[in-house]
Amino acid sequence: MKNLNLSKLITRIALVAAVLFSSMQEVKAQFDVGADIMSRYVWRGLPFSNGPSIQPYMSYATGDFEIGFWGAYANDGFTDELDLYASYAIGPVGLTITNYVFPDITTPNTLGNPLKGDPVEYWAAEGGWEGTVGLELGPIGLTYATFFDSGDTYIAAGTSLGGVDLTLGMGDGAYTTDSDFALMEISLGYGKDIMITEDFSLPASGSLIYNPDADQMYLVFGISL
Protein backbone atom coordinates (compact mmCIF):
# COMPACT_ATOMS: atom_id res chain seq x y z
CA MET A 1 0.00 0.00 0.00
CA LYS A 2 2.84 2.36 0.87
CA ASN A 3 4.57 1.54 -2.39
CA LEU A 4 1.34 2.25 -4.29
CA ASN A 5 0.92 5.66 -2.62
CA LEU A 6 4.56 6.50 -3.31
CA SER A 7 4.06 5.54 -6.94
CA LYS A 8 1.00 7.77 -7.22
CA LEU A 9 2.86 10.62 -5.55
CA ILE A 10 5.80 10.33 -7.95
CA THR A 11 3.40 10.23 -10.90
CA ARG A 12 1.59 13.36 -9.72
CA ILE A 13 4.85 15.21 -9.10
CA ALA A 14 6.00 14.27 -12.59
CA LEU A 15 2.73 15.52 -14.10
CA VAL A 16 2.91 18.80 -12.19
CA ALA A 17 6.56 19.25 -13.21
CA ALA A 18 5.66 18.62 -16.86
CA VAL A 19 2.86 21.19 -16.75
CA LEU A 20 5.11 23.78 -15.08
CA PHE A 21 7.92 23.13 -17.56
CA SER A 22 5.49 23.47 -20.47
CA SER A 23 4.15 26.75 -19.05
CA MET A 24 7.67 28.08 -18.55
CA GLN A 25 8.53 27.20 -22.15
CA GLU A 26 5.46 29.09 -23.39
CA VAL A 27 6.38 32.17 -21.34
CA LYS A 28 10.00 31.96 -22.45
CA ALA A 29 8.92 31.77 -26.09
CA GLN A 30 7.25 35.18 -25.72
CA PHE A 31 10.58 36.83 -24.97
CA ASP A 32 13.02 37.67 -27.75
CA VAL A 33 16.53 39.07 -27.81
CA GLY A 34 18.96 39.65 -30.64
CA ALA A 35 21.05 42.18 -32.50
CA ASP A 36 21.76 43.55 -35.95
CA ILE A 37 25.29 44.50 -36.92
CA MET A 38 25.10 47.23 -39.54
CA SER A 39 27.86 48.84 -41.62
CA ARG A 40 26.22 52.19 -40.86
CA TYR A 41 23.13 53.43 -39.02
CA VAL A 42 20.80 55.16 -41.49
CA TRP A 43 17.23 55.85 -40.39
CA ARG A 44 14.52 57.36 -42.59
CA GLY A 45 17.08 58.68 -45.03
CA LEU A 46 19.24 60.27 -42.33
CA PRO A 47 22.68 59.09 -41.07
CA PHE A 48 23.14 58.44 -37.36
CA SER A 49 26.65 56.96 -37.43
CA ASN A 50 29.86 57.28 -39.41
CA GLY A 51 30.74 53.60 -39.13
CA PRO A 52 29.52 50.18 -37.97
CA SER A 53 26.58 50.20 -35.59
CA ILE A 54 25.56 47.39 -33.23
CA GLN A 55 21.79 47.45 -32.75
CA PRO A 56 20.55 45.11 -29.99
CA TYR A 57 16.95 44.58 -28.99
CA MET A 58 14.93 42.86 -26.28
CA SER A 59 11.18 42.40 -26.45
CA TYR A 60 8.21 40.70 -24.83
CA ALA A 61 5.11 39.83 -26.83
CA THR A 62 1.76 38.43 -25.84
CA GLY A 63 -1.02 38.14 -28.38
CA ASP A 64 -1.07 41.29 -30.49
CA PHE A 65 0.81 43.37 -27.93
CA GLU A 66 4.58 43.87 -27.80
CA ILE A 67 6.86 45.97 -25.63
CA GLY A 68 10.61 46.25 -25.79
CA PHE A 69 13.87 48.16 -26.03
CA TRP A 70 15.93 48.87 -29.15
CA GLY A 71 19.42 50.34 -29.10
CA ALA A 72 22.19 51.56 -31.41
CA TYR A 73 25.86 51.82 -30.44
CA ALA A 74 28.49 52.96 -32.94
CA ASN A 75 31.46 54.14 -30.81
CA ASP A 76 32.30 56.79 -33.41
CA GLY A 77 31.50 60.06 -31.68
CA PHE A 78 27.79 59.97 -32.50
CA THR A 79 25.32 59.71 -29.65
CA ASP A 80 24.21 56.25 -28.53
CA GLU A 81 20.50 55.47 -28.60
CA LEU A 82 18.21 53.32 -26.46
CA ASP A 83 14.51 53.50 -27.29
CA LEU A 84 11.51 52.15 -25.40
CA TYR A 85 8.52 51.14 -27.51
CA ALA A 86 5.11 49.49 -27.24
CA SER A 87 2.97 48.31 -30.12
CA TYR A 88 -0.44 46.75 -30.67
CA ALA A 89 -1.85 45.16 -33.82
CA ILE A 90 -5.50 45.33 -34.80
CA GLY A 91 -5.86 43.29 -37.97
CA PRO A 92 -3.93 45.12 -40.72
CA VAL A 93 -3.41 48.17 -38.49
CA GLY A 94 -0.39 48.52 -36.23
CA LEU A 95 -0.18 51.17 -33.49
CA THR A 96 3.19 52.02 -31.92
CA ILE A 97 4.39 54.56 -29.40
CA THR A 98 8.15 55.10 -29.09
CA ASN A 99 10.27 57.05 -26.65
CA TYR A 100 13.52 57.91 -28.42
CA VAL A 101 16.25 58.30 -25.82
CA PHE A 102 19.92 59.26 -26.23
CA PRO A 103 21.27 58.35 -22.78
CA ASP A 104 24.96 59.11 -23.39
CA ILE A 105 24.48 62.80 -24.15
CA THR A 106 26.60 64.79 -21.68
CA THR A 107 26.34 68.33 -20.45
CA PRO A 108 29.31 70.57 -21.45
CA ASN A 109 31.88 71.34 -18.78
CA THR A 110 33.55 74.72 -18.27
CA LEU A 111 35.75 74.12 -21.34
CA GLY A 112 32.72 73.43 -23.50
CA ASN A 113 33.73 69.83 -24.21
CA PRO A 114 30.58 67.63 -24.16
CA LEU A 115 32.70 64.45 -23.97
CA LYS A 116 34.07 65.48 -20.56
CA GLY A 117 30.87 66.70 -18.99
CA ASP A 118 28.46 65.04 -16.59
CA PRO A 119 26.37 62.16 -18.01
CA VAL A 120 22.66 62.87 -18.30
CA GLU A 121 20.37 60.42 -16.50
CA TYR A 122 18.46 58.06 -18.79
CA TRP A 123 14.97 59.43 -18.22
CA ALA A 124 16.27 63.01 -18.36
CA ALA A 125 18.13 62.55 -21.66
CA GLU A 126 17.08 64.33 -24.82
CA GLY A 127 14.73 62.53 -27.17
CA GLY A 128 11.03 62.58 -27.87
CA TRP A 129 7.79 60.61 -27.94
CA GLU A 130 6.43 59.51 -31.30
CA GLY A 131 3.18 57.88 -32.35
CA THR A 132 3.12 55.63 -35.41
CA VAL A 133 0.27 54.10 -37.38
CA GLY A 134 1.02 51.33 -39.88
CA LEU A 135 -1.43 49.90 -42.39
CA GLU A 136 -0.99 46.80 -44.55
CA LEU A 137 -2.99 46.96 -47.80
CA GLY A 138 -2.12 43.73 -49.55
CA PRO A 139 1.44 44.07 -50.89
CA ILE A 140 1.67 47.73 -49.87
CA GLY A 141 2.59 48.96 -46.39
CA LEU A 142 1.82 52.52 -45.31
CA THR A 143 3.38 54.34 -42.35
CA TYR A 144 2.43 57.60 -40.67
CA ALA A 145 4.55 58.79 -37.74
CA THR A 146 4.63 62.07 -35.85
CA PHE A 147 6.52 63.40 -32.82
CA PHE A 148 4.12 64.69 -30.18
CA ASP A 149 6.29 67.60 -29.05
CA SER A 150 7.73 68.97 -32.31
CA GLY A 151 5.10 67.79 -34.77
CA ASP A 152 7.79 66.46 -37.15
CA THR A 153 6.02 64.04 -39.46
CA TYR A 154 7.14 61.07 -41.53
CA ILE A 155 4.99 59.34 -44.17
CA ALA A 156 6.16 56.31 -46.11
CA ALA A 157 4.92 53.64 -48.50
CA GLY A 158 6.67 50.35 -49.10
CA THR A 159 6.27 47.23 -51.20
CA SER A 160 8.26 44.24 -52.44
CA LEU A 161 9.01 43.70 -56.12
CA GLY A 162 10.65 40.41 -57.03
CA GLY A 163 12.17 40.07 -53.56
CA VAL A 164 13.48 43.66 -53.56
CA ASP A 165 11.94 45.98 -50.98
CA LEU A 166 11.12 49.49 -52.20
CA THR A 167 10.41 52.32 -49.75
CA LEU A 168 9.49 55.94 -50.48
CA GLY A 169 9.47 58.31 -47.51
CA MET A 170 8.53 61.96 -47.06
CA GLY A 171 8.96 64.17 -44.02
CA ASP A 172 9.23 67.67 -42.64
CA GLY A 173 10.84 69.42 -39.69
CA ALA A 174 14.06 67.71 -38.64
CA TYR A 175 13.82 65.30 -41.56
CA THR A 176 14.51 67.93 -44.23
CA THR A 177 17.09 70.63 -44.87
CA ASP A 178 14.60 73.52 -44.79
CA SER A 179 11.94 71.91 -42.52
CA ASP A 180 9.43 71.90 -45.40
CA PHE A 181 7.67 68.71 -46.45
CA ALA A 182 9.81 66.87 -49.02
CA LEU A 183 10.80 63.47 -50.38
CA MET A 184 13.81 62.40 -48.31
CA GLU A 185 14.00 58.63 -48.65
CA ILE A 186 14.16 56.30 -51.64
CA SER A 187 15.35 52.88 -50.51
CA LEU A 188 16.00 49.57 -52.25
CA GLY A 189 16.57 46.64 -49.92
CA TYR A 190 17.34 42.97 -50.38
CA GLY A 191 17.93 40.13 -47.94
CA LYS A 192 19.34 36.61 -48.10
CA ASP A 193 20.75 33.91 -45.82
CA ILE A 194 24.52 33.36 -45.75
CA MET A 195 25.22 29.66 -45.19
CA ILE A 196 27.88 29.10 -42.53
CA THR A 197 27.39 25.35 -42.15
CA GLU A 198 24.78 22.90 -43.39
CA ASP A 199 22.69 23.59 -40.27
CA PHE A 200 23.46 27.25 -39.60
CA SER A 201 23.03 30.43 -41.62
CA LEU A 202 23.13 34.17 -40.96
CA PRO A 203 20.37 36.45 -42.26
CA ALA A 204 21.98 39.28 -44.22
CA SER A 205 20.50 42.41 -45.75
CA GLY A 206 21.62 45.33 -47.87
CA SER A 207 20.03 48.68 -48.66
CA LEU A 208 20.77 51.41 -51.16
CA ILE A 209 19.30 54.60 -49.71
CA TYR A 210 19.05 57.94 -51.48
CA ASN A 211 17.94 61.17 -49.81
CA PRO A 212 16.82 63.55 -52.60
CA ASP A 213 16.32 66.44 -50.19
CA ALA A 214 19.92 66.34 -48.93
CA ASP A 215 21.30 64.82 -52.16
CA GLN A 216 23.05 62.05 -50.18
CA MET A 217 23.30 58.33 -50.90
CA TYR A 218 24.16 55.43 -48.56
CA LEU A 219 24.90 51.75 -49.13
CA VAL A 220 24.28 49.78 -45.95
CA PHE A 221 24.95 46.11 -45.20
CA GLY A 222 24.00 44.17 -42.10
CA ILE A 223 23.67 40.76 -40.50
CA SER A 224 21.20 39.63 -37.85
CA LEU A 225 21.96 37.49 -34.82
C-alpha atoms as a PDB file:
ATOM      1  CA  MET A   1       0.000   0.000   0.000  1.00  0.00           C
ATOM      2  CA  LYS A   2       2.839   2.362   0.869  1.00  0.00           C
ATOM      3  CA  ASN A   3       4.567   1.542  -2.394  1.00  0.00           C
ATOM      4  CA  LEU A   4       1.341   2.253  -4.292  1.00  0.00           C
ATOM      5  CA  ASN A   5       0.925   5.665  -2.616  1.00  0.00           C
ATOM      6  CA  LEU A   6       4.560   6.499  -3.311  1.00  0.00           C
ATOM      7  CA  SER A   7       4.063   5.545  -6.944  1.00  0.00           C
ATOM      8  CA  LYS A   8       0.998   7.769  -7.218  1.00  0.00           C
ATOM      9  CA  LEU A   9       2.864  10.623  -5.547  1.00  0.00           C
ATOM     10  CA  ILE A  10       5.801  10.328  -7.946  1.00  0.00           C
ATOM     11  CA  THR A  11       3.398  10.233 -10.905  1.00  0.00           C
ATOM     12  CA  ARG A  12       1.588  13.360  -9.716  1.00  0.00           C
ATOM     13  CA  ILE A  13       4.846  15.205  -9.104  1.00  0.00           C
ATOM     14  CA  ALA A  14       5.997  14.269 -12.592  1.00  0.00           C
ATOM     15  CA  LEU A  15       2.730  15.517 -14.101  1.00  0.00           C
ATOM     16  CA  VAL A  16       2.912  18.802 -12.188  1.00  0.00           C
ATOM     17  CA  ALA A  17       6.559  19.252 -13.214  1.00  0.00           C
ATOM     18  CA  ALA A  18       5.659  18.618 -16.859  1.00  0.00           C
ATOM     19  CA  VAL A  19       2.862  21.193 -16.753  1.00  0.00           C
ATOM     20  CA  LEU A  20       5.109  23.780 -15.081  1.00  0.00           C
ATOM     21  CA  PHE A  21       7.916  23.135 -17.556  1.00  0.00           C
ATOM     22  CA  SER A  22       5.488  23.474 -20.469  1.00  0.00           C
ATOM     23  CA  SER A  23       4.149  26.750 -19.053  1.00  0.00           C
ATOM     24  CA  MET A  24       7.668  28.081 -18.550  1.00  0.00           C
ATOM     25  CA  GLN A  25       8.527  27.201 -22.146  1.00  0.00           C
ATOM     26  CA  GLU A  26       5.458  29.091 -23.388  1.00  0.00           C
ATOM     27  CA  VAL A  27       6.380  32.167 -21.343  1.00  0.00           C
ATOM     28  CA  LYS A  28      10.001  31.955 -22.453  1.00  0.00           C
ATOM     29  CA  ALA A  29       8.918  31.773 -26.085  1.00  0.00           C
ATOM     30  CA  GLN A  30       7.251  35.177 -25.720  1.00  0.00           C
ATOM     31  CA  PHE A  31      10.581  36.831 -24.975  1.00  0.00           C
ATOM     32  CA  ASP A  32      13.021  37.669 -27.745  1.00  0.00           C
ATOM     33  CA  VAL A  33      16.526  39.074 -27.810  1.00  0.00           C
ATOM     34  CA  GLY A  34      18.960  39.654 -30.640  1.00  0.00           C
ATOM     35  CA  ALA A  35      21.054  42.180 -32.496  1.00  0.00           C
ATOM     36  CA  ASP A  36      21.759  43.550 -35.947  1.00  0.00           C
ATOM     37  CA  ILE A  37      25.289  44.501 -36.923  1.00  0.00           C
ATOM     38  CA  MET A  38      25.102  47.230 -39.543  1.00  0.00           C
ATOM     39  CA  SER A  39      27.858  48.842 -41.615  1.00  0.00           C
ATOM     40  CA  ARG A  40      26.215  52.193 -40.860  1.00  0.00           C
ATOM     41  CA  TYR A  41      23.129  53.427 -39.022  1.00  0.00           C
ATOM     42  CA  VAL A  42      20.805  55.157 -41.488  1.00  0.00           C
ATOM     43  CA  TRP A  43      17.228  55.851 -40.393  1.00  0.00           C
ATOM     44  CA  ARG A  44      14.519  57.358 -42.588  1.00  0.00           C
ATOM     45  CA  GLY A  45      17.085  58.683 -45.029  1.00  0.00           C
ATOM     46  CA  LEU A  46      19.244  60.272 -42.325  1.00  0.00           C
ATOM     47  CA  PRO A  47      22.684  59.087 -41.072  1.00  0.00           C
ATOM     48  CA  PHE A  48      23.142  58.437 -37.356  1.00  0.00           C
ATOM     49  CA  SER A  49      26.653  56.963 -37.435  1.00  0.00           C
ATOM     50  CA  ASN A  50      29.863  57.278 -39.408  1.00  0.00           C
ATOM     51  CA  GLY A  51      30.740  53.600 -39.126  1.00  0.00           C
ATOM     52  CA  PRO A  52      29.522  50.181 -37.975  1.00  0.00           C
ATOM     53  CA  SER A  53      26.581  50.200 -35.585  1.00  0.00           C
ATOM     54  CA  ILE A  54      25.560  47.392 -33.233  1.00  0.00           C
ATOM     55  CA  GLN A  55      21.794  47.447 -32.750  1.00  0.00           C
ATOM     56  CA  PRO A  56      20.554  45.106 -29.985  1.00  0.00           C
ATOM     57  CA  TYR A  57      16.946  44.581 -28.994  1.00  0.00           C
ATOM     58  CA  MET A  58      14.927  42.857 -26.283  1.00  0.00           C
ATOM     59  CA  SER A  59      11.177  42.405 -26.448  1.00  0.00           C
ATOM     60  CA  TYR A  60       8.213  40.696 -24.828  1.00  0.00           C
ATOM     61  CA  ALA A  61       5.109  39.833 -26.829  1.00  0.00           C
ATOM     62  CA  THR A  62       1.757  38.432 -25.843  1.00  0.00           C
ATOM     63  CA  GLY A  63      -1.016  38.136 -28.378  1.00  0.00           C
ATOM     64  CA  ASP A  64      -1.071  41.288 -30.494  1.00  0.00           C
ATOM     65  CA  PHE A  65       0.813  43.373 -27.928  1.00  0.00           C
ATOM     66  CA  GLU A  66       4.584  43.866 -27.801  1.00  0.00           C
ATOM     67  CA  ILE A  67       6.861  45.969 -25.634  1.00  0.00           C
ATOM     68  CA  GLY A  68      10.613  46.252 -25.786  1.00  0.00           C
ATOM     69  CA  PHE A  69      13.866  48.165 -26.032  1.00  0.00           C
ATOM     70  CA  TRP A  70      15.935  48.873 -29.154  1.00  0.00           C
ATOM     71  CA  GLY A  71      19.422  50.339 -29.095  1.00  0.00           C
ATOM     72  CA  ALA A  72      22.189  51.560 -31.408  1.00  0.00           C
ATOM     73  CA  TYR A  73      25.856  51.823 -30.437  1.00  0.00           C
ATOM     74  CA  ALA A  74      28.485  52.956 -32.940  1.00  0.00           C
ATOM     75  CA  ASN A  75      31.459  54.137 -30.814  1.00  0.00           C
ATOM     76  CA  ASP A  76      32.300  56.794 -33.411  1.00  0.00           C
ATOM     77  CA  GLY A  77      31.501  60.055 -31.680  1.00  0.00           C
ATOM     78  CA  PHE A  78      27.788  59.969 -32.504  1.00  0.00           C
ATOM     79  CA  THR A  79      25.318  59.707 -29.652  1.00  0.00           C
ATOM     80  CA  ASP A  80      24.214  56.245 -28.530  1.00  0.00           C
ATOM     81  CA  GLU A  81      20.502  55.469 -28.605  1.00  0.00           C
ATOM     82  CA  LEU A  82      18.213  53.317 -26.460  1.00  0.00           C
ATOM     83  CA  ASP A  83      14.509  53.498 -27.295  1.00  0.00           C
ATOM     84  CA  LEU A  84      11.510  52.150 -25.397  1.00  0.00           C
ATOM     85  CA  TYR A  85       8.517  51.139 -27.510  1.00  0.00           C
ATOM     86  CA  ALA A  86       5.114  49.493 -27.244  1.00  0.00           C
ATOM     87  CA  SER A  87       2.968  48.310 -30.125  1.00  0.00           C
ATOM     88  CA  TYR A  88      -0.436  46.755 -30.674  1.00  0.00           C
ATOM     89  CA  ALA A  89      -1.850  45.157 -33.825  1.00  0.00           C
ATOM     90  CA  ILE A  90      -5.499  45.333 -34.805  1.00  0.00           C
ATOM     91  CA  GLY A  91      -5.855  43.289 -37.973  1.00  0.00           C
ATOM     92  CA  PRO A  92      -3.934  45.119 -40.724  1.00  0.00           C
ATOM     93  CA  VAL A  93      -3.408  48.168 -38.493  1.00  0.00           C
ATOM     94  CA  GLY A  94      -0.393  48.520 -36.227  1.00  0.00           C
ATOM     95  CA  LEU A  95      -0.176  51.169 -33.489  1.00  0.00           C
ATOM     96  CA  THR A  96       3.189  52.024 -31.925  1.00  0.00           C
ATOM     97  CA  ILE A  97       4.394  54.563 -29.399  1.00  0.00           C
ATOM     98  CA  THR A  98       8.150  55.095 -29.090  1.00  0.00           C
ATOM     99  CA  ASN A  99      10.268  57.051 -26.650  1.00  0.00           C
ATOM    100  CA  TYR A 100      13.524  57.910 -28.424  1.00  0.00           C
ATOM    101  CA  VAL A 101      16.252  58.303 -25.818  1.00  0.00           C
ATOM    102  CA  PHE A 102      19.916  59.260 -26.229  1.00  0.00           C
ATOM    103  CA  PRO A 103      21.274  58.354 -22.783  1.00  0.00           C
ATOM    104  CA  ASP A 104      24.956  59.112 -23.395  1.00  0.00           C
ATOM    105  CA  ILE A 105      24.476  62.802 -24.153  1.00  0.00           C
ATOM    106  CA  THR A 106      26.596  64.789 -21.684  1.00  0.00           C
ATOM    107  CA  THR A 107      26.345  68.334 -20.446  1.00  0.00           C
ATOM    108  CA  PRO A 108      29.312  70.575 -21.448  1.00  0.00           C
ATOM    109  CA  ASN A 109      31.880  71.339 -18.782  1.00  0.00           C
ATOM    110  CA  THR A 110      33.555  74.715 -18.274  1.00  0.00           C
ATOM    111  CA  LEU A 111      35.754  74.120 -21.342  1.00  0.00           C
ATOM    112  CA  GLY A 112      32.719  73.432 -23.504  1.00  0.00           C
ATOM    113  CA  ASN A 113      33.730  69.834 -24.205  1.00  0.00           C
ATOM    114  CA  PRO A 114      30.582  67.628 -24.164  1.00  0.00           C
ATOM    115  CA  LEU A 115      32.703  64.455 -23.967  1.00  0.00           C
ATOM    116  CA  LYS A 116      34.066  65.482 -20.558  1.00  0.00           C
ATOM    117  CA  GLY A 117      30.869  66.705 -18.986  1.00  0.00           C
ATOM    118  CA  ASP A 118      28.461  65.043 -16.589  1.00  0.00           C
ATOM    119  CA  PRO A 119      26.374  62.163 -18.007  1.00  0.00           C
ATOM    120  CA  VAL A 120      22.660  62.868 -18.298  1.00  0.00           C
ATOM    121  CA  GLU A 121      20.375  60.417 -16.500  1.00  0.00           C
ATOM    122  CA  TYR A 122      18.457  58.057 -18.793  1.00  0.00           C
ATOM    123  CA  TRP A 123      14.966  59.429 -18.222  1.00  0.00           C
ATOM    124  CA  ALA A 124      16.271  63.013 -18.364  1.00  0.00           C
ATOM    125  CA  ALA A 125      18.132  62.547 -21.661  1.00  0.00           C
ATOM    126  CA  GLU A 126      17.079  64.329 -24.819  1.00  0.00           C
ATOM    127  CA  GLY A 127      14.729  62.530 -27.166  1.00  0.00           C
ATOM    128  CA  GLY A 128      11.030  62.580 -27.867  1.00  0.00           C
ATOM    129  CA  TRP A 129       7.793  60.608 -27.939  1.00  0.00           C
ATOM    130  CA  GLU A 130       6.434  59.509 -31.302  1.00  0.00           C
ATOM    131  CA  GLY A 131       3.183  57.885 -32.355  1.00  0.00           C
ATOM    132  CA  THR A 132       3.124  55.630 -35.409  1.00  0.00           C
ATOM    133  CA  VAL A 133       0.268  54.096 -37.383  1.00  0.00           C
ATOM    134  CA  GLY A 134       1.023  51.327 -39.876  1.00  0.00           C
ATOM    135  CA  LEU A 135      -1.432  49.903 -42.389  1.00  0.00           C
ATOM    136  CA  GLU A 136      -0.993  46.804 -44.553  1.00  0.00           C
ATOM    137  CA  LEU A 137      -2.985  46.957 -47.801  1.00  0.00           C
ATOM    138  CA  GLY A 138      -2.122  43.726 -49.554  1.00  0.00           C
ATOM    139  CA  PRO A 139       1.438  44.069 -50.886  1.00  0.00           C
ATOM    140  CA  ILE A 140       1.670  47.729 -49.866  1.00  0.00           C
ATOM    141  CA  GLY A 141       2.590  48.956 -46.390  1.00  0.00           C
ATOM    142  CA  LEU A 142       1.825  52.522 -45.308  1.00  0.00           C
ATOM    143  CA  THR A 143       3.382  54.335 -42.348  1.00  0.00           C
ATOM    144  CA  TYR A 144       2.428  57.597 -40.672  1.00  0.00           C
ATOM    145  CA  ALA A 145       4.548  58.794 -37.741  1.00  0.00           C
ATOM    146  CA  THR A 146       4.635  62.074 -35.854  1.00  0.00           C
ATOM    147  CA  PHE A 147       6.522  63.401 -32.823  1.00  0.00           C
ATOM    148  CA  PHE A 148       4.124  64.694 -30.183  1.00  0.00           C
ATOM    149  CA  ASP A 149       6.290  67.603 -29.048  1.00  0.00           C
ATOM    150  CA  SER A 150       7.734  68.974 -32.314  1.00  0.00           C
ATOM    151  CA  GLY A 151       5.104  67.788 -34.766  1.00  0.00           C
ATOM    152  CA  ASP A 152       7.791  66.464 -37.155  1.00  0.00           C
ATOM    153  CA  THR A 153       6.017  64.036 -39.457  1.00  0.00           C
ATOM    154  CA  TYR A 154       7.144  61.070 -41.527  1.00  0.00           C
ATOM    155  CA  ILE A 155       4.993  59.344 -44.170  1.00  0.00           C
ATOM    156  CA  ALA A 156       6.160  56.306 -46.115  1.00  0.00           C
ATOM    157  CA  ALA A 157       4.918  53.644 -48.503  1.00  0.00           C
ATOM    158  CA  GLY A 158       6.671  50.347 -49.098  1.00  0.00           C
ATOM    159  CA  THR A 159       6.266  47.231 -51.197  1.00  0.00           C
ATOM    160  CA  SER A 160       8.264  44.238 -52.437  1.00  0.00           C
ATOM    161  CA  LEU A 161       9.009  43.703 -56.122  1.00  0.00           C
ATOM    162  CA  GLY A 162      10.651  40.412 -57.035  1.00  0.00           C
ATOM    163  CA  GLY A 163      12.175  40.069 -53.562  1.00  0.00           C
ATOM    164  CA  VAL A 164      13.480  43.658 -53.559  1.00  0.00           C
ATOM    165  CA  ASP A 165      11.937  45.982 -50.976  1.00  0.00           C
ATOM    166  CA  LEU A 166      11.118  49.486 -52.197  1.00  0.00           C
ATOM    167  CA  THR A 167      10.411  52.324 -49.754  1.00  0.00           C
ATOM    168  CA  LEU A 168       9.490  55.945 -50.477  1.00  0.00           C
ATOM    169  CA  GLY A 169       9.472  58.313 -47.510  1.00  0.00           C
ATOM    170  CA  MET A 170       8.526  61.957 -47.061  1.00  0.00           C
ATOM    171  CA  GLY A 171       8.964  64.167 -44.023  1.00  0.00           C
ATOM    172  CA  ASP A 172       9.231  67.669 -42.641  1.00  0.00           C
ATOM    173  CA  GLY A 173      10.836  69.421 -39.694  1.00  0.00           C
ATOM    174  CA  ALA A 174      14.060  67.712 -38.641  1.00  0.00           C
ATOM    175  CA  TYR A 175      13.819  65.299 -41.563  1.00  0.00           C
ATOM    176  CA  THR A 176      14.511  67.931 -44.235  1.00  0.00           C
ATOM    177  CA  THR A 177      17.086  70.629 -44.866  1.00  0.00           C
ATOM    178  CA  ASP A 178      14.596  73.522 -44.788  1.00  0.00           C
ATOM    179  CA  SER A 179      11.936  71.914 -42.518  1.00  0.00           C
ATOM    180  CA  ASP A 180       9.432  71.897 -45.404  1.00  0.00           C
ATOM    181  CA  PHE A 181       7.672  68.707 -46.448  1.00  0.00           C
ATOM    182  CA  ALA A 182       9.806  66.867 -49.022  1.00  0.00           C
ATOM    183  CA  LEU A 183      10.797  63.468 -50.385  1.00  0.00           C
ATOM    184  CA  MET A 184      13.813  62.398 -48.308  1.00  0.00           C
ATOM    185  CA  GLU A 185      13.996  58.626 -48.650  1.00  0.00           C
ATOM    186  CA  ILE A 186      14.162  56.303 -51.639  1.00  0.00           C
ATOM    187  CA  SER A 187      15.352  52.880 -50.513  1.00  0.00           C
ATOM    188  CA  LEU A 188      15.996  49.569 -52.251  1.00  0.00           C
ATOM    189  CA  GLY A 189      16.568  46.637 -49.920  1.00  0.00           C
ATOM    190  CA  TYR A 190      17.344  42.967 -50.381  1.00  0.00           C
ATOM    191  CA  GLY A 191      17.929  40.130 -47.944  1.00  0.00           C
ATOM    192  CA  LYS A 192      19.341  36.612 -48.098  1.00  0.00           C
ATOM    193  CA  ASP A 193      20.753  33.908 -45.825  1.00  0.00           C
ATOM    194  CA  ILE A 194      24.520  33.364 -45.747  1.00  0.00           C
ATOM    195  CA  MET A 195      25.225  29.663 -45.192  1.00  0.00           C
ATOM    196  CA  ILE A 196      27.882  29.099 -42.526  1.00  0.00           C
ATOM    197  CA  THR A 197      27.390  25.353 -42.152  1.00  0.00           C
ATOM    198  CA  GLU A 198      24.780  22.896 -43.388  1.00  0.00           C
ATOM    199  CA  ASP A 199      22.694  23.591 -40.271  1.00  0.00           C
ATOM    200  CA  PHE A 200      23.462  27.247 -39.605  1.00  0.00           C
ATOM    201  CA  SER A 201      23.029  30.427 -41.622  1.00  0.00           C
ATOM    202  CA  LEU A 202      23.132  34.166 -40.957  1.00  0.00           C
ATOM    203  CA  PRO A 203      20.367  36.447 -42.256  1.00  0.00           C
ATOM    204  CA  ALA A 204      21.978  39.284 -44.217  1.00  0.00           C
ATOM    205  CA  SER A 205      20.499  42.412 -45.752  1.00  0.00           C
ATOM    206  CA  GLY A 206      21.623  45.327 -47.873  1.00  0.00           C
ATOM    207  CA  SER A 207      20.031  48.678 -48.660  1.00  0.00           C
ATOM    208  CA  LEU A 208      20.775  51.411 -51.160  1.00  0.00           C
ATOM    209  CA  ILE A 209      19.295  54.602 -49.712  1.00  0.00           C
ATOM    210  CA  TYR A 210      19.053  57.942 -51.482  1.00  0.00           C
ATOM    211  CA  ASN A 211      17.936  61.171 -49.812  1.00  0.00           C
ATOM    212  CA  PRO A 212      16.819  63.552 -52.601  1.00  0.00           C
ATOM    213  CA  ASP A 213      16.316  66.445 -50.193  1.00  0.00           C
ATOM    214  CA  ALA A 214      19.923  66.344 -48.926  1.00  0.00           C
ATOM    215  CA  ASP A 215      21.297  64.816 -52.158  1.00  0.00           C
ATOM    216  CA  GLN A 216      23.050  62.052 -50.181  1.00  0.00           C
ATOM    217  CA  MET A 217      23.300  58.326 -50.896  1.00  0.00           C
ATOM    218  CA  TYR A 218      24.159  55.432 -48.563  1.00  0.00           C
ATOM    219  CA  LEU A 219      24.904  51.752 -49.130  1.00  0.00           C
ATOM    220  CA  VAL A 220      24.277  49.783 -45.946  1.00  0.00           C
ATOM    221  CA  PHE A 221      24.945  46.110 -45.205  1.00  0.00           C
ATOM    222  CA  GLY A 222      23.996  44.168 -42.099  1.00  0.00           C
ATOM    223  CA  ILE A 223      23.673  40.756 -40.499  1.00  0.00           C
ATOM    224  CA  SER A 224      21.204  39.626 -37.848  1.00  0.00           C
ATOM    225  CA  LEU A 225      21.959  37.489 -34.816  1.00  0.00           C
END
